[in-house]
Amino acid sequence: QVQLVESGGGLVQPGGSLRLSCAASGSPFSIDVMGWYRQAPGKVRQLVADIGSGGNTNYADSVKGRFTISRDNAKNTVFLQMNSLKPEDTAVYYCNARRSRFPFSDYWGQGTQVTVPS
């Protein structure tokens, strides 16, 4: 029903910045929460940040003050501005979109690699 297309990943030196984008298509009207998760090799996938349709945001403690999530409802797109990047930010970043009311639904993007060398 919903397809998520991510872009913006890459290799950045410590202290640098990246901006990730994720565009939803298909039936985006069914989605109310969008967010970003990340997963490093050998580790579980963890929430980075999410944002509701009304603008409410949540951030992992490890990225507070450095990352900012935002969305453009007209374009059905969510962004993650990442500043002051650290080697521990290296991971595959996945876009997530979900419907938090019945009938529930959950969608994932293909993932985009972010690498910050030490």
N, C-alpha and C. Protein backbone atom coordinates (compact mmCIF):
# COMPACT_ATOMS: atom_id res chain seq x y z
N GLN A 1 0.82 -1.21 0.00
CA GLN A 1 0.00 0.00 0.00
C GLN A 1 0.85 1.26 0.00
N VAL A 2 1.96 1.26 0.74
CA VAL A 2 2.84 2.40 0.86
C VAL A 2 4.26 1.98 0.51
N GLN A 3 4.91 2.77 -0.32
CA GLN A 3 6.31 2.56 -0.65
C GLN A 3 7.13 3.73 -0.11
N LEU A 4 8.30 3.43 0.44
CA LEU A 4 9.19 4.44 1.01
C LEU A 4 10.50 4.42 0.25
N VAL A 5 10.92 5.57 -0.24
CA VAL A 5 12.16 5.70 -0.99
C VAL A 5 13.08 6.65 -0.25
N GLU A 6 14.25 6.15 0.16
CA GLU A 6 15.20 6.91 0.95
C GLU A 6 16.34 7.41 0.07
N SER A 7 16.94 8.51 0.49
CA SER A 7 18.11 9.05 -0.18
C SER A 7 18.89 9.90 0.80
N GLY A 8 20.15 10.18 0.46
CA GLY A 8 20.96 11.11 1.22
C GLY A 8 22.09 10.51 2.02
N GLY A 9 22.20 9.18 2.06
CA GLY A 9 23.28 8.57 2.81
C GLY A 9 24.62 8.76 2.12
N GLY A 10 25.67 8.42 2.84
CA GLY A 10 27.00 8.54 2.29
C GLY A 10 28.07 8.48 3.36
N LEU A 11 29.28 8.84 2.98
CA LEU A 11 30.42 8.86 3.88
C LEU A 11 30.75 10.29 4.25
N VAL A 12 30.84 10.56 5.54
CA VAL A 12 31.11 11.90 6.04
C VAL A 12 32.16 11.82 7.14
N GLN A 13 33.07 12.77 7.17
CA GLN A 13 34.08 12.82 8.21
C GLN A 13 33.46 13.20 9.55
N PRO A 14 34.09 12.79 10.66
CA PRO A 14 33.57 13.20 11.97
C PRO A 14 33.37 14.71 12.05
N GLY A 15 32.25 15.10 12.63
CA GLY A 15 31.90 16.50 12.72
C GLY A 15 31.11 17.03 11.55
N GLY A 16 30.99 16.24 10.49
CA GLY A 16 30.27 16.66 9.31
C GLY A 16 28.78 16.47 9.43
N SER A 17 28.08 16.73 8.33
CA SER A 17 26.62 16.68 8.31
C SER A 17 26.10 15.93 7.10
N LEU A 18 24.93 15.35 7.26
CA LEU A 18 24.18 14.72 6.18
C LEU A 18 22.71 15.00 6.39
N ARG A 19 21.96 14.99 5.30
CA ARG A 19 20.52 15.14 5.36
C ARG A 19 19.87 13.98 4.62
N LEU A 20 19.12 13.17 5.35
CA LEU A 20 18.41 12.05 4.78
C LEU A 20 16.99 12.45 4.43
N SER A 21 16.48 11.88 3.34
CA SER A 21 15.12 12.14 2.91
C SER A 21 14.41 10.81 2.67
N CYS A 22 13.12 10.79 2.90
CA CYS A 22 12.30 9.61 2.66
C CYS A 22 10.95 10.07 2.15
N ALA A 23 10.61 9.66 0.94
CA ALA A 23 9.35 10.02 0.32
C ALA A 23 8.41 8.83 0.30
N ALA A 24 7.19 9.05 0.73
CA ALA A 24 6.17 8.01 0.75
C ALA A 24 5.26 8.15 -0.46
N SER A 25 4.91 7.02 -1.03
CA SER A 25 3.98 7.00 -2.15
C SER A 25 3.04 5.82 -1.99
N GLY A 26 2.03 5.77 -2.84
CA GLY A 26 1.04 4.71 -2.76
C GLY A 26 -0.22 5.20 -2.08
N SER A 27 -0.28 4.97 -0.79
CA SER A 27 -1.42 5.43 0.02
C SER A 27 -0.93 6.20 1.24
N PRO A 28 -0.19 7.29 1.03
CA PRO A 28 0.39 8.00 2.18
C PRO A 28 -0.65 8.59 3.12
N PHE A 29 -1.87 8.74 2.66
CA PHE A 29 -2.91 9.29 3.53
C PHE A 29 -3.19 8.39 4.73
N SER A 30 -2.79 7.13 4.64
CA SER A 30 -3.03 6.18 5.73
C SER A 30 -1.99 6.26 6.83
N ILE A 31 -0.92 7.04 6.63
CA ILE A 31 0.21 7.12 7.56
C ILE A 31 0.08 8.34 8.45
N ASP A 32 0.34 8.16 9.76
CA ASP A 32 0.32 9.30 10.67
C ASP A 32 1.65 9.54 11.37
N VAL A 33 2.52 8.53 11.47
CA VAL A 33 3.81 8.67 12.11
C VAL A 33 4.90 8.22 11.15
N MET A 34 5.95 9.00 11.03
CA MET A 34 7.11 8.63 10.23
C MET A 34 8.36 8.80 11.08
N GLY A 35 9.37 7.99 10.81
CA GLY A 35 10.57 8.08 11.61
C GLY A 35 11.76 7.42 10.96
N TRP A 36 12.86 7.48 11.68
CA TRP A 36 14.11 6.89 11.23
C TRP A 36 14.65 5.95 12.30
N TYR A 37 15.07 4.78 11.86
CA TYR A 37 15.74 3.80 12.69
C TYR A 37 17.12 3.54 12.09
N ARG A 38 18.02 2.99 12.90
CA ARG A 38 19.32 2.63 12.37
C ARG A 38 19.77 1.31 12.97
N GLN A 39 20.60 0.61 12.20
CA GLN A 39 21.09 -0.69 12.61
C GLN A 39 22.53 -0.84 12.16
N ALA A 40 23.41 -1.07 13.12
CA ALA A 40 24.81 -1.37 12.84
C ALA A 40 24.99 -2.88 12.83
N PRO A 41 26.02 -3.38 12.15
CA PRO A 41 26.25 -4.83 12.12
C PRO A 41 26.34 -5.43 13.51
N GLY A 42 25.60 -6.52 13.73
CA GLY A 42 25.61 -7.20 15.01
C GLY A 42 24.78 -6.54 16.09
N LYS A 43 24.06 -5.48 15.76
CA LYS A 43 23.26 -4.78 16.75
C LYS A 43 21.80 -4.75 16.30
N VAL A 44 20.91 -4.53 17.26
CA VAL A 44 19.49 -4.47 16.95
C VAL A 44 19.16 -3.14 16.30
N ARG A 45 18.06 -3.12 15.56
CA ARG A 45 17.59 -1.89 14.96
C ARG A 45 16.98 -1.02 16.06
N GLN A 46 17.39 0.24 16.10
CA GLN A 46 16.97 1.15 17.16
C GLN A 46 16.36 2.42 16.58
N LEU A 47 15.42 2.97 17.31
CA LEU A 47 14.81 4.24 16.92
C LEU A 47 15.83 5.36 17.02
N VAL A 48 15.89 6.19 15.99
CA VAL A 48 16.67 7.41 16.00
C VAL A 48 15.77 8.60 16.33
N ALA A 49 14.69 8.73 15.59
CA ALA A 49 13.74 9.81 15.81
C ALA A 49 12.46 9.48 15.07
N ASP A 50 11.35 10.00 15.56
CA ASP A 50 10.10 9.91 14.81
C ASP A 50 9.30 11.19 14.99
N ILE A 51 8.29 11.34 14.14
CA ILE A 51 7.51 12.56 14.14
C ILE A 51 6.09 12.23 13.73
N GLY A 52 5.13 12.74 14.47
CA GLY A 52 3.73 12.55 14.14
C GLY A 52 3.25 13.56 13.12
N SER A 53 2.06 13.32 12.62
CA SER A 53 1.51 14.22 11.61
C SER A 53 1.30 15.63 12.15
N GLY A 54 1.13 15.76 13.47
CA GLY A 54 0.98 17.06 14.09
C GLY A 54 2.28 17.73 14.48
N GLY A 55 3.41 17.07 14.25
CA GLY A 55 4.71 17.66 14.54
C GLY A 55 5.36 17.22 15.83
N ASN A 56 4.73 16.35 16.60
CA ASN A 56 5.35 15.84 17.83
C ASN A 56 6.56 14.98 17.48
N THR A 57 7.67 15.18 18.19
CA THR A 57 8.91 14.48 17.88
C THR A 57 9.44 13.73 19.08
N ASN A 58 10.18 12.66 18.80
CA ASN A 58 10.92 11.90 19.80
C ASN A 58 12.31 11.61 19.25
N TYR A 59 13.31 11.65 20.12
CA TYR A 59 14.68 11.40 19.73
C TYR A 59 15.34 10.42 20.68
N ALA A 60 16.22 9.60 20.14
CA ALA A 60 17.10 8.81 20.98
C ALA A 60 18.05 9.73 21.72
N ASP A 61 18.40 9.37 22.95
CA ASP A 61 19.30 10.21 23.74
C ASP A 61 20.63 10.45 23.03
N SER A 62 21.09 9.47 22.29
CA SER A 62 22.39 9.57 21.65
C SER A 62 22.45 10.60 20.53
N VAL A 63 21.31 11.06 20.04
CA VAL A 63 21.30 12.02 18.93
C VAL A 63 20.69 13.35 19.30
N LYS A 64 20.18 13.49 20.50
CA LYS A 64 19.57 14.75 20.91
C LYS A 64 20.58 15.89 20.82
N GLY A 65 20.14 16.99 20.26
CA GLY A 65 21.01 18.14 20.10
C GLY A 65 21.84 18.12 18.83
N ARG A 66 21.88 16.98 18.14
CA ARG A 66 22.67 16.86 16.92
C ARG A 66 21.80 16.59 15.69
N PHE A 67 20.74 15.81 15.87
CA PHE A 67 19.86 15.44 14.76
C PHE A 67 18.53 16.17 14.88
N THR A 68 17.92 16.46 13.76
CA THR A 68 16.61 17.08 13.73
C THR A 68 15.74 16.38 12.70
N ILE A 69 14.56 15.94 13.12
CA ILE A 69 13.62 15.31 12.21
C ILE A 69 12.54 16.32 11.85
N SER A 70 12.11 16.29 10.61
CA SER A 70 11.05 17.17 10.15
C SER A 70 10.28 16.47 9.04
N ARG A 71 9.14 17.02 8.67
CA ARG A 71 8.36 16.42 7.60
C ARG A 71 7.65 17.49 6.79
N ASP A 72 7.40 17.16 5.55
CA ASP A 72 6.65 18.00 4.64
C ASP A 72 5.41 17.19 4.28
N ASN A 73 4.30 17.50 4.92
CA ASN A 73 3.09 16.72 4.71
C ASN A 73 2.57 16.83 3.28
N ALA A 74 2.74 18.00 2.67
CA ALA A 74 2.28 18.18 1.30
C ALA A 74 3.02 17.28 0.33
N LYS A 75 4.29 17.00 0.61
CA LYS A 75 5.10 16.15 -0.25
C LYS A 75 5.24 14.73 0.29
N ASN A 76 4.59 14.44 1.40
CA ASN A 76 4.65 13.11 2.02
C ASN A 76 6.10 12.67 2.23
N THR A 77 6.91 13.56 2.76
CA THR A 77 8.33 13.32 2.91
C THR A 77 8.79 13.63 4.33
N VAL A 78 9.69 12.80 4.84
CA VAL A 78 10.30 13.03 6.14
C VAL A 78 11.80 13.19 5.95
N PHE A 79 12.40 14.06 6.77
CA PHE A 79 13.82 14.37 6.67
C PHE A 79 14.51 14.11 8.00
N LEU A 80 15.79 13.83 7.92
CA LEU A 80 16.62 13.74 9.11
C LEU A 80 17.89 14.52 8.85
N GLN A 81 18.02 15.67 9.50
CA GLN A 81 19.23 16.47 9.42
C GLN A 81 20.18 16.00 10.50
N MET A 82 21.35 15.53 10.11
CA MET A 82 22.33 14.97 11.02
C MET A 82 23.56 15.87 11.03
N ASN A 83 23.84 16.47 12.18
CA ASN A 83 25.00 17.33 12.36
C ASN A 83 25.94 16.72 13.39
N SER A 84 27.17 17.22 13.40
CA SER A 84 28.18 16.77 14.36
C SER A 84 28.28 15.25 14.39
N LEU A 85 28.37 14.65 13.23
CA LEU A 85 28.37 13.20 13.13
C LEU A 85 29.60 12.59 13.79
N LYS A 86 29.37 11.43 14.41
CA LYS A 86 30.40 10.69 15.12
C LYS A 86 30.54 9.30 14.52
N PRO A 87 31.68 8.64 14.73
CA PRO A 87 31.83 7.28 14.21
C PRO A 87 30.73 6.33 14.70
N GLU A 88 30.24 6.53 15.91
CA GLU A 88 29.19 5.66 16.42
C GLU A 88 27.85 5.85 15.73
N ASP A 89 27.73 6.86 14.87
CA ASP A 89 26.53 7.04 14.07
C ASP A 89 26.53 6.15 12.83
N THR A 90 27.63 5.48 12.55
CA THR A 90 27.73 4.62 11.38
C THR A 90 26.71 3.48 11.49
N ALA A 91 25.86 3.36 10.48
CA ALA A 91 24.81 2.36 10.48
C ALA A 91 24.05 2.44 9.17
N VAL A 92 23.18 1.47 8.94
CA VAL A 92 22.18 1.57 7.90
C VAL A 92 20.97 2.25 8.51
N TYR A 93 20.52 3.31 7.89
CA TYR A 93 19.39 4.07 8.37
C TYR A 93 18.14 3.71 7.56
N TYR A 94 17.07 3.36 8.27
CA TYR A 94 15.83 2.92 7.65
C TYR A 94 14.71 3.91 7.93
N CYS A 95 14.00 4.26 6.90
CA CYS A 95 12.79 5.06 7.06
C CYS A 95 11.64 4.15 7.47
N ASN A 96 10.82 4.64 8.37
CA ASN A 96 9.66 3.89 8.84
C ASN A 96 8.42 4.77 8.76
N ALA A 97 7.32 4.18 8.35
CA ALA A 97 6.04 4.87 8.35
C ALA A 97 5.00 3.92 8.90
N ARG A 98 4.10 4.43 9.72
CA ARG A 98 3.09 3.57 10.31
C ARG A 98 1.79 4.31 10.54
N ARG A 99 0.76 3.51 10.60
CA ARG A 99 -0.55 3.97 11.01
C ARG A 99 -0.75 3.50 12.44
N SER A 100 -0.97 4.41 13.36
CA SER A 100 -1.02 4.09 14.77
C SER A 100 -2.44 3.86 15.29
N ARG A 101 -3.40 3.82 14.40
CA ARG A 101 -4.77 3.53 14.77
C ARG A 101 -5.31 2.43 13.87
N PHE A 102 -6.37 1.77 14.31
CA PHE A 102 -6.92 0.67 13.54
C PHE A 102 -7.49 1.14 12.22
N PRO A 103 -7.24 0.43 11.12
CA PRO A 103 -6.40 -0.76 11.00
C PRO A 103 -4.91 -0.41 10.96
N PHE A 104 -4.14 -1.01 11.85
CA PHE A 104 -2.73 -0.71 11.98
C PHE A 104 -1.94 -1.14 10.75
N SER A 105 -0.87 -0.43 10.46
CA SER A 105 0.02 -0.79 9.37
C SER A 105 1.42 -0.28 9.68
N ASP A 106 2.41 -0.88 9.03
CA ASP A 106 3.81 -0.55 9.29
C ASP A 106 4.61 -0.79 8.01
N TYR A 107 5.42 0.18 7.61
CA TYR A 107 6.17 0.10 6.36
C TYR A 107 7.61 0.51 6.59
N TRP A 108 8.51 -0.06 5.79
CA TRP A 108 9.94 0.21 5.90
C TRP A 108 10.54 0.53 4.54
N GLY A 109 11.50 1.44 4.55
CA GLY A 109 12.29 1.70 3.36
C GLY A 109 13.39 0.68 3.19
N GLN A 110 14.16 0.83 2.12
CA GLN A 110 15.20 -0.14 1.80
C GLN A 110 16.47 0.05 2.61
N GLY A 111 16.62 1.19 3.25
CA GLY A 111 17.80 1.50 4.03
C GLY A 111 18.84 2.27 3.22
N THR A 112 19.55 3.15 3.89
CA THR A 112 20.63 3.89 3.26
C THR A 112 21.82 3.93 4.23
N GLN A 113 23.01 3.68 3.70
CA GLN A 113 24.21 3.57 4.52
C GLN A 113 24.75 4.94 4.88
N VAL A 114 25.04 5.13 6.16
CA VAL A 114 25.75 6.31 6.65
C VAL A 114 27.03 5.82 7.30
N THR A 115 28.16 6.34 6.84
CA THR A 115 29.46 5.93 7.35
C THR A 115 30.23 7.15 7.83
N VAL A 116 30.69 7.09 9.08
CA VAL A 116 31.52 8.13 9.66
C VAL A 116 32.79 7.45 10.15
N PRO A 117 33.89 7.59 9.45
CA PRO A 117 35.11 6.88 9.84
C PRO A 117 35.72 7.45 11.12
N SER A 118 36.45 6.62 11.82
CA SER A 118 37.11 7.04 13.04
C SER A 118 38.48 7.62 12.75
